[in-house]
Amino acid sequence: MASLQAALLKRSARKNAERDGHVVLRPVGDGADTQFPLTYIRIGPSGGVPVLIVPGGPGLASVVPYQRLRRRAERDGLDVLMVEHRGVGLSRLDEHGNDLPSEGITIDNAVDDLEAVLDHAGVERAIVYGSSYGTYLAQGLGVRYPDRVAGMILDSPMLSVAEDIEAARAYRRGLFLEGTDRDLEPVSEAVRTALARGVPAEEISVVVQIAYEYAGPEILRQLLTQRSNGRSRRIWNKVATAGSAEIDGRGAPFYYEPDLVSRIAFRELGYGLPPDGELLDPQAMFVAAAARHPHFVAEPFDFPSQISSFSWPTAVISGGRDLRTPRPTAEKIVDLVPNAVLVPIADMGHSALDSHQLAAVYVTKMMADNKSGSLVGMERYIAGLPHRGAANLMRRAITGAVLLGRSTAAVASRLPSRARS
């Protein structure tokens, strides 16, 4: 089954590349003679300011996962470029057919790849849309090549390794342990009950993030309650192990390939930095994987001291349920960047590019039409757009499994005790 899926994804990638793809020969690393074909897609009408969309990861491909997004953007008159990240999908192999060497897979090189694509495409300046890890590359492009940026959209943004981890810890613990949001008290009570009944704290840390972001507080509360009562072990275990799959292993070829680019995640972005030993630590999901990957050395940029020089209009999209890159980080970026506006989306977790694509396209269209300032006050309209994107498959899967567990328990509770046994 896995081989069939890989074959279908490969076929889809090749088909997209034949129709809309372009190739730039790039060095595999600094000073290397060997090159590799860096692939990018360009779609949509010319004439306006092109949009360079950079997805997250590290490990997400561009060609296959975002076909529908590109079609939606094209229908709105947007000229879109997306780069297949070095070490991923159609940009995975060098000119001799070998995997790219790990020493060449760095943030510095990935940022330079974006600039090379703009050169190859004949794009003088572009609106740069980054999502999650893609916001790191977008800001890196802005710092290193500011003359290539006409505008910027930072969707679920990163800012600084140490500051981001501390912000995520404080935000999660405030919501679910310290009562900063009274509406979440039922979830906090369910967390405390799960701990009291022996559910492992490290599993709770992961499940809270994933279930809350994808499915919302009520489904999270029900899942915690079911697990505390000894039910729904299967869905619980799947959710509790889902996070590590995002940054460890081969993944799905041509869709999500974290294996080669995990060097960036751990060596430059601190994914493997140790938890602090307290509950709801965002580092908890990376503990097992960290032992198999390089130790953190340093991040390549100091954005808190650099992004105040950005002179272009900037929109910062922040989901109300985003626990990975929470609202305080987005607000800090808005404070640091001149001409930046916050675009809060209450009923959204992490990454509009993956969970709320109509909102992502709408914000991009407003930026392209020089109306980014009008995004202030549009939260209700943007949030009301239908949710589209691959992340909604996870939302439906978690929600369906939890509701099924509740229904099964309700039926069992009405059976005679002999039948239940």
Protein backbone atom coordinates (compact mmCIF):
# COMPACT_ATOMS: atom_id res chain seq x y z
CA MET A 1 0.00 0.00 0.00
CA ALA A 2 2.82 2.38 0.88
CA SER A 3 4.60 1.67 -2.41
CA LEU A 4 1.40 2.36 -4.33
CA GLN A 5 0.94 5.66 -2.51
CA ALA A 6 4.54 6.62 -3.25
CA ALA A 7 4.08 5.78 -6.92
CA LEU A 8 0.93 7.91 -7.14
CA LEU A 9 2.59 10.85 -5.41
CA LYS A 10 5.60 10.59 -7.70
CA ARG A 11 3.36 10.51 -10.75
CA SER A 12 1.49 13.57 -9.53
CA ALA A 13 4.76 15.43 -8.88
CA ARG A 14 6.10 14.61 -12.34
CA LYS A 15 2.84 15.64 -14.00
CA ASN A 16 2.79 18.99 -12.22
CA ALA A 17 6.44 19.60 -13.06
CA GLU A 18 5.89 18.81 -16.74
CA ARG A 19 3.02 21.30 -16.91
CA ASP A 20 4.14 24.18 -14.68
CA GLY A 21 7.64 23.31 -13.48
CA HIS A 22 11.03 24.92 -13.99
CA VAL A 23 14.51 23.84 -12.94
CA VAL A 24 17.45 25.85 -11.63
CA LEU A 25 20.81 24.09 -11.31
CA ARG A 26 22.14 24.82 -7.82
CA PRO A 27 25.30 23.73 -5.98
CA VAL A 28 24.68 20.95 -3.47
CA GLY A 29 26.74 22.85 -0.91
CA ASP A 30 29.28 25.59 -0.40
CA GLY A 31 32.26 25.09 -2.67
CA ALA A 32 30.88 21.85 -4.15
CA ASP A 33 31.29 21.10 -7.85
CA THR A 34 28.21 18.86 -7.94
CA GLN A 35 24.86 20.47 -8.72
CA PHE A 36 21.26 19.46 -8.29
CA PRO A 37 18.06 20.41 -10.13
CA LEU A 38 16.10 22.73 -7.83
CA THR A 39 12.49 22.55 -9.02
CA TYR A 40 9.89 25.26 -8.75
CA ILE A 41 6.32 25.71 -9.97
CA ARG A 42 4.90 28.88 -11.46
CA ILE A 43 1.21 29.26 -12.18
CA GLY A 44 -1.21 32.11 -12.73
CA PRO A 45 -1.52 35.24 -14.86
CA SER A 46 1.41 37.60 -15.20
CA GLY A 47 1.18 41.34 -14.85
CA GLY A 48 0.86 41.79 -11.11
CA VAL A 49 3.39 41.37 -8.33
CA PRO A 50 4.31 37.66 -8.17
CA VAL A 51 3.80 35.75 -4.92
CA LEU A 52 6.50 33.40 -3.62
CA ILE A 53 4.85 30.87 -1.26
CA VAL A 54 7.14 28.97 1.13
CA PRO A 55 5.53 26.08 3.06
CA GLY A 56 6.57 24.72 6.44
CA GLY A 57 8.38 21.70 7.75
CA PRO A 58 11.24 21.39 7.36
CA GLY A 59 10.22 18.60 5.02
CA LEU A 60 7.03 19.69 3.31
CA ALA A 61 7.11 19.48 -0.46
CA SER A 62 5.56 22.23 -2.58
CA VAL A 63 4.59 20.59 -5.84
CA VAL A 64 2.09 17.91 -4.75
CA PRO A 65 0.57 19.12 -1.43
CA TYR A 66 -0.51 22.55 -2.68
CA GLN A 67 -2.06 21.88 -6.07
CA ARG A 68 -5.51 23.06 -4.97
CA LEU A 69 -4.08 26.09 -3.23
CA ARG A 70 -2.33 27.18 -6.43
CA ARG A 71 -5.52 26.74 -8.45
CA ARG A 72 -7.46 28.85 -5.94
CA ALA A 73 -4.79 31.54 -6.08
CA GLU A 74 -4.79 31.43 -9.88
CA ARG A 75 -8.56 31.94 -9.96
CA ASP A 76 -8.02 35.07 -7.86
CA GLY A 77 -5.56 36.40 -10.44
CA LEU A 78 -2.37 35.67 -8.47
CA ASP A 79 0.94 34.81 -10.11
CA VAL A 80 2.31 32.13 -7.76
CA LEU A 81 5.76 30.57 -7.41
CA MET A 82 6.50 27.65 -5.08
CA VAL A 83 9.94 26.11 -4.60
CA GLU A 84 10.51 22.43 -3.88
CA HIS A 85 12.86 22.69 -0.86
CA ARG A 86 16.34 21.23 -1.34
CA GLY A 87 16.42 17.67 -0.05
CA VAL A 88 12.69 17.16 -0.64
CA GLY A 89 10.66 15.62 -3.47
CA LEU A 90 11.74 16.79 -6.92
CA SER A 91 14.72 18.64 -5.37
CA ARG A 92 15.97 15.66 -3.37
CA LEU A 93 18.60 14.18 -5.70
CA ASP A 94 21.80 15.60 -7.19
CA GLU A 95 22.68 15.45 -10.89
CA HIS A 96 24.02 11.91 -10.43
CA GLY A 97 20.83 10.61 -8.79
CA ASN A 98 22.16 10.56 -5.22
CA ASP A 99 20.52 12.06 -2.14
CA LEU A 100 21.84 15.52 -1.39
CA PRO A 101 24.59 15.50 1.26
CA SER A 102 23.48 16.62 4.71
CA GLU A 103 26.16 19.32 4.97
CA GLY A 104 24.55 21.17 2.06
CA ILE A 105 21.08 21.21 3.58
CA THR A 106 21.13 24.40 5.60
CA ILE A 107 18.87 27.40 6.10
CA ASP A 108 21.47 29.65 4.48
CA ASN A 109 21.41 27.55 1.31
CA ALA A 110 17.60 27.29 1.34
CA VAL A 111 17.31 31.10 1.54
CA ASP A 112 19.77 31.47 -1.34
CA ASP A 113 17.68 28.96 -3.33
CA LEU A 114 14.69 31.29 -3.05
CA GLU A 115 16.70 34.20 -4.39
CA ALA A 116 18.04 32.03 -7.23
CA VAL A 117 14.49 31.10 -8.22
CA LEU A 118 13.47 34.76 -8.37
CA ASP A 119 16.46 35.39 -10.62
CA HIS A 120 15.65 32.44 -12.87
CA ALA A 121 11.98 33.44 -13.11
CA GLY A 122 12.85 37.03 -13.95
CA VAL A 123 11.08 38.33 -10.85
CA GLU A 124 12.56 41.55 -9.53
CA ARG A 125 10.39 41.76 -6.39
CA ALA A 126 7.80 39.41 -4.94
CA ILE A 127 5.30 39.18 -2.13
CA VAL A 128 6.80 36.49 0.10
CA TYR A 129 4.33 34.23 1.92
CA GLY A 130 5.89 31.97 4.52
CA SER A 131 4.07 29.42 6.68
CA SER A 132 5.52 28.07 9.95
CA TYR A 133 9.13 27.07 9.14
CA GLY A 134 8.58 28.89 5.85
CA THR A 135 8.30 32.13 7.84
CA TYR A 136 11.88 31.60 8.96
CA LEU A 137 13.01 31.35 5.34
CA ALA A 138 10.83 34.32 4.37
CA GLN A 139 12.35 36.51 7.07
CA GLY A 140 15.81 35.24 6.10
CA LEU A 141 15.17 36.32 2.52
CA GLY A 142 14.05 39.72 3.80
CA VAL A 143 17.20 40.15 5.87
CA ARG A 144 19.62 38.98 3.18
CA TYR A 145 17.90 40.22 0.03
CA PRO A 146 15.61 43.07 1.08
CA ASP A 147 15.45 44.53 -2.43
CA ARG A 148 13.64 41.39 -3.64
CA VAL A 149 10.67 41.76 -1.26
CA ALA A 150 7.56 43.78 -2.19
CA GLY A 151 5.49 42.58 0.75
CA MET A 152 5.46 39.77 3.29
CA ILE A 153 2.88 37.45 4.85
CA LEU A 154 4.03 35.54 7.92
CA ASP A 155 1.57 32.74 8.68
CA SER A 156 2.01 31.15 12.12
CA PRO A 157 5.45 32.72 12.40
CA MET A 158 8.67 31.68 14.05
CA LEU A 159 10.97 34.35 15.48
CA SER A 160 13.77 32.98 17.66
CA VAL A 161 14.61 29.46 18.83
CA ALA A 162 14.95 30.16 22.56
CA GLU A 163 12.22 32.80 22.71
CA ASP A 164 9.76 30.70 20.70
CA ILE A 165 10.15 27.67 22.97
CA GLU A 166 9.66 29.75 26.11
CA ALA A 167 6.67 31.54 24.58
CA ALA A 168 5.03 28.22 23.68
CA ARG A 169 5.64 26.82 27.18
CA ALA A 170 4.17 29.86 28.90
CA TYR A 171 1.18 30.05 26.57
CA ARG A 172 0.20 26.38 26.93
CA ARG A 173 0.62 26.35 30.68
CA GLY A 174 -1.32 29.56 31.01
CA LEU A 175 -4.27 28.15 29.07
CA PHE A 176 -4.43 24.64 30.52
CA LEU A 177 -2.76 24.83 33.93
CA GLU A 178 -3.01 28.39 35.23
CA GLY A 179 -6.50 29.38 34.12
CA THR A 180 -5.73 32.40 31.92
CA ASP A 181 -8.78 31.49 29.80
CA ARG A 182 -11.88 30.60 31.86
CA ASP A 183 -13.54 29.02 28.84
CA LEU A 184 -10.87 26.32 28.91
CA GLU A 185 -11.38 25.34 32.55
CA PRO A 186 -13.22 22.10 31.58
CA VAL A 187 -10.16 21.12 29.52
CA SER A 188 -7.83 22.01 32.41
CA GLU A 189 -9.92 19.82 34.72
CA ALA A 190 -9.69 16.96 32.22
CA VAL A 191 -5.90 17.38 32.11
CA ARG A 192 -5.68 17.22 35.90
CA THR A 193 -7.90 14.14 36.00
CA ALA A 194 -5.81 12.37 33.37
CA LEU A 195 -2.65 13.04 35.38
CA ALA A 196 -4.28 11.83 38.59
CA ARG A 197 -5.31 8.60 36.90
CA GLY A 198 -1.81 7.83 35.69
CA VAL A 199 -1.90 8.91 32.07
CA PRO A 200 1.76 9.67 31.15
CA ALA A 201 2.51 13.39 31.28
CA GLU A 202 4.61 13.28 28.11
CA GLU A 203 1.67 11.80 26.19
CA ILE A 204 -0.67 14.47 27.54
CA SER A 205 1.76 17.18 26.39
CA VAL A 206 1.62 15.93 22.80
CA VAL A 207 -2.10 15.15 22.70
CA VAL A 208 -3.08 18.54 24.07
CA GLN A 209 -1.20 20.30 21.26
CA ILE A 210 -2.42 18.16 18.39
CA ALA A 211 -6.03 17.64 19.44
CA TYR A 212 -6.53 21.27 20.49
CA GLU A 213 -5.04 22.72 17.31
CA TYR A 214 -6.80 20.39 14.90
CA ALA A 215 -10.11 19.59 16.60
CA GLY A 216 -10.68 22.24 19.27
CA PRO A 217 -11.19 22.32 23.05
CA GLU A 218 -14.36 20.21 23.34
CA ILE A 219 -12.96 17.29 21.36
CA LEU A 220 -9.74 17.53 23.38
CA ARG A 221 -11.72 17.45 26.62
CA GLN A 222 -13.64 14.38 25.50
CA LEU A 223 -10.47 12.60 24.39
CA LEU A 224 -8.79 13.28 27.73
CA THR A 225 -11.88 12.04 29.57
CA GLN A 226 -12.13 8.88 27.50
CA ARG A 227 -8.45 8.10 28.05
CA SER A 228 -8.80 8.73 31.81
CA ASN A 229 -11.63 6.19 31.83
CA GLY A 230 -9.53 3.59 30.01
CA ARG A 231 -11.16 4.04 26.61
CA SER A 232 -10.11 5.29 23.16
CA ARG A 233 -6.57 3.93 23.55
CA ARG A 234 -6.16 3.50 19.80
CA ILE A 235 -6.88 7.09 18.77
CA TRP A 236 -5.02 8.35 21.84
CA ASN A 237 -1.88 6.43 20.86
CA LYS A 238 -2.08 7.61 17.27
CA VAL A 239 -2.33 11.25 18.33
CA ALA A 240 0.38 10.86 20.99
CA THR A 241 2.87 9.60 18.40
CA ALA A 242 1.81 11.81 15.48
CA GLY A 243 4.10 14.71 16.35
CA SER A 244 7.39 12.82 16.08
CA ALA A 245 6.43 11.58 12.60
CA GLU A 246 6.54 15.19 11.39
CA ILE A 247 10.30 15.48 11.88
CA ASP A 248 11.57 11.89 11.93
CA GLY A 249 11.76 9.12 9.34
CA ARG A 250 11.28 9.08 5.58
CA GLY A 251 7.70 10.35 5.60
CA ALA A 252 5.67 10.23 2.37
CA PRO A 253 7.82 10.71 -0.75
CA PHE A 254 6.99 13.83 -2.77
CA TYR A 255 4.63 14.99 -0.02
CA TYR A 256 6.47 15.18 3.28
CA GLU A 257 10.11 14.07 3.54
CA PRO A 258 11.76 15.07 6.82
CA ASP A 259 14.71 12.69 6.70
CA LEU A 260 17.32 14.74 4.82
CA VAL A 261 16.18 18.15 6.06
CA SER A 262 15.90 17.12 9.70
CA ARG A 263 19.46 18.43 10.04
CA ILE A 264 17.96 21.92 9.78
CA ALA A 265 15.27 21.16 12.35
CA PHE A 266 17.65 19.88 15.00
CA ARG A 267 20.99 21.58 14.28
CA GLU A 268 19.68 25.07 13.45
CA LEU A 269 16.16 25.33 14.90
CA GLY A 270 16.55 23.55 18.23
CA TYR A 271 13.90 20.86 17.78
CA GLY A 272 15.95 18.54 19.97
CA LEU A 273 16.55 20.92 22.85
CA PRO A 274 15.56 19.11 26.06
CA PRO A 275 12.24 19.63 27.84
CA ASP A 276 12.33 21.51 31.13
CA GLY A 277 10.65 18.65 32.98
CA GLU A 278 7.32 20.38 33.46
CA LEU A 279 3.96 19.52 31.92
CA LEU A 280 2.89 20.71 28.47
CA ASP A 281 6.39 21.30 27.14
CA PRO A 282 6.49 21.65 23.32
CA GLN A 283 9.81 19.80 23.30
CA ALA A 284 8.23 16.63 24.69
CA MET A 285 7.31 15.27 21.27
CA PHE A 286 10.90 15.44 20.02
CA VAL A 287 12.68 13.59 22.84
CA ALA A 288 12.90 10.20 21.13
CA ALA A 289 13.89 11.66 17.76
CA ALA A 290 16.52 13.94 19.27
CA ALA A 291 18.74 10.98 20.10
CA ARG A 292 18.99 10.16 16.39
CA HIS A 293 19.76 13.64 15.10
CA PRO A 294 22.47 16.32 15.41
CA HIS A 295 22.60 18.49 18.49
CA PHE A 296 21.58 22.13 18.26
CA VAL A 297 24.48 24.40 17.28
CA ALA A 298 23.04 27.82 16.49
CA GLU A 299 20.36 29.46 14.42
CA PRO A 300 21.65 31.45 11.43
CA PHE A 301 19.71 34.69 12.01
CA ASP A 302 18.91 36.99 14.91
CA PHE A 303 15.49 38.15 13.76
CA PRO A 304 14.51 40.06 16.93
CA SER A 305 17.34 42.50 16.15
CA GLN A 306 17.00 42.40 12.36
CA ILE A 307 13.36 42.54 11.24
CA SER A 308 12.78 46.11 12.44
CA SER A 309 14.52 47.12 9.20
CA PHE A 310 11.76 45.61 7.04
CA SER A 311 10.26 48.46 5.01
CA TRP A 312 7.47 46.64 3.16
CA PRO A 313 3.87 45.97 4.21
CA THR A 314 3.65 42.85 6.36
CA ALA A 315 0.65 40.79 7.44
CA VAL A 316 1.04 38.34 10.34
CA ILE A 317 -1.56 35.54 10.42
CA SER A 318 -2.13 33.93 13.82
CA GLY A 319 -4.55 31.13 14.70
CA GLY A 320 -6.43 31.39 17.97
CA ARG A 321 -5.70 27.71 18.70
CA ASP A 322 -2.06 27.74 17.58
CA LEU A 323 0.07 26.23 20.35
CA ARG A 324 3.24 25.78 18.25
CA THR A 325 3.72 29.42 17.26
CA PRO A 326 1.28 31.10 19.65
CA ARG A 327 -0.27 34.54 19.53
CA PRO A 328 2.36 36.29 21.74
CA THR A 329 5.05 35.48 19.15
CA ALA A 330 2.91 36.91 16.34
CA GLU A 331 2.20 40.02 18.39
CA LYS A 332 5.89 40.54 19.08
CA ILE A 333 6.66 40.42 15.36
CA VAL A 334 3.92 42.98 14.70
CA ASP A 335 5.51 45.24 17.32
CA LEU A 336 8.97 44.85 15.77
CA VAL A 337 8.12 45.25 12.07
CA PRO A 338 7.05 48.68 10.80
CA ASN A 339 3.84 48.63 8.74
CA ALA A 340 2.88 45.19 10.08
CA VAL A 341 -0.72 44.21 10.82
CA LEU A 342 -2.01 41.26 12.83
CA VAL A 343 -4.57 38.99 11.14
CA PRO A 344 -6.05 36.88 13.98
CA ILE A 345 -8.17 33.88 13.01
CA ALA A 346 -9.96 32.62 16.12
CA ASP A 347 -11.12 29.18 15.00
CA MET A 348 -7.80 28.02 13.54
CA GLY A 349 -4.80 26.14 14.79
CA HIS A 350 -1.42 26.19 13.08
CA SER A 351 -0.79 27.35 9.49
CA ALA A 352 -3.56 28.81 7.35
CA LEU A 353 -1.68 27.46 4.35
CA ASP A 354 -2.54 23.95 5.56
CA SER A 355 -5.79 24.41 7.47
CA HIS A 356 -7.51 27.54 6.13
CA GLN A 357 -6.40 28.04 2.54
CA LEU A 358 -9.23 30.38 1.54
CA ALA A 359 -8.09 32.73 4.30
CA ALA A 360 -4.48 32.43 3.11
CA VAL A 361 -5.46 33.29 -0.46
CA TYR A 362 -7.69 36.16 0.68
CA VAL A 363 -4.91 37.78 2.72
CA THR A 364 -2.49 37.31 -0.18
CA LYS A 365 -4.91 38.89 -2.64
CA MET A 366 -5.37 41.88 -0.33
CA MET A 367 -1.59 42.28 -0.13
CA ALA A 368 -1.25 42.02 -3.92
CA ASP A 369 -3.94 44.70 -4.34
CA ASN A 370 -2.10 47.03 -1.91
CA LYS A 371 -4.92 46.70 0.63
CA SER A 372 -3.09 45.00 3.48
CA GLY A 373 -3.99 47.87 5.81
CA SER A 374 -7.66 47.02 5.28
CA LEU A 375 -7.13 43.60 6.85
CA VAL A 376 -7.50 45.22 10.26
CA GLY A 377 -11.08 44.67 11.32
CA MET A 378 -11.69 41.86 8.79
CA GLU A 379 -11.21 39.05 11.34
CA ARG A 380 -14.86 37.97 11.35
CA TYR A 381 -15.08 37.78 7.56
CA ILE A 382 -11.78 35.91 7.22
CA ALA A 383 -12.60 33.46 10.01
CA GLY A 384 -15.98 32.80 8.39
CA LEU A 385 -14.48 31.56 5.14
CA PRO A 386 -14.85 27.77 4.71
CA HIS A 387 -11.88 25.81 6.00
CA ARG A 388 -9.90 24.08 3.26
CA GLY A 389 -6.55 22.32 3.40
CA ALA A 390 -4.93 18.98 4.18
CA ALA A 391 -4.92 19.64 7.96
CA ASN A 392 -8.70 19.28 7.96
CA LEU A 393 -8.29 15.56 7.26
CA MET A 394 -6.63 15.27 10.67
CA ARG A 395 -9.41 17.33 12.24
CA ARG A 396 -12.09 15.02 10.82
CA ALA A 397 -10.17 11.89 11.80
CA ILE A 398 -9.69 12.97 15.43
CA THR A 399 -13.22 14.30 15.77
CA GLY A 400 -14.79 11.21 14.23
CA ALA A 401 -12.79 8.82 16.42
CA VAL A 402 -13.59 10.72 19.62
CA LEU A 403 -17.30 10.97 18.83
CA LEU A 404 -17.36 7.27 17.97
CA GLY A 405 -15.72 6.52 21.33
CA ARG A 406 -18.37 8.56 23.11
CA SER A 407 -21.19 6.83 21.24
CA THR A 408 -19.77 3.38 21.95
CA ALA A 409 -19.48 4.21 25.63
CA ALA A 410 -23.06 5.48 25.71
CA VAL A 411 -24.36 2.26 24.16
CA ALA A 412 -22.31 0.14 26.56
CA SER A 413 -23.60 2.04 29.58
CA ARG A 414 -27.18 1.09 28.67
CA LEU A 415 -26.43 -2.62 28.38
CA PRO A 416 -27.12 -5.00 31.30
CA SER A 417 -24.01 -5.66 33.32
CA ARG A 418 -23.85 -9.31 32.15
CA ALA A 419 -23.85 -8.16 28.50
CA ARG A 420 -21.15 -5.60 29.18
CA SER A 421 -18.92 -8.25 30.64
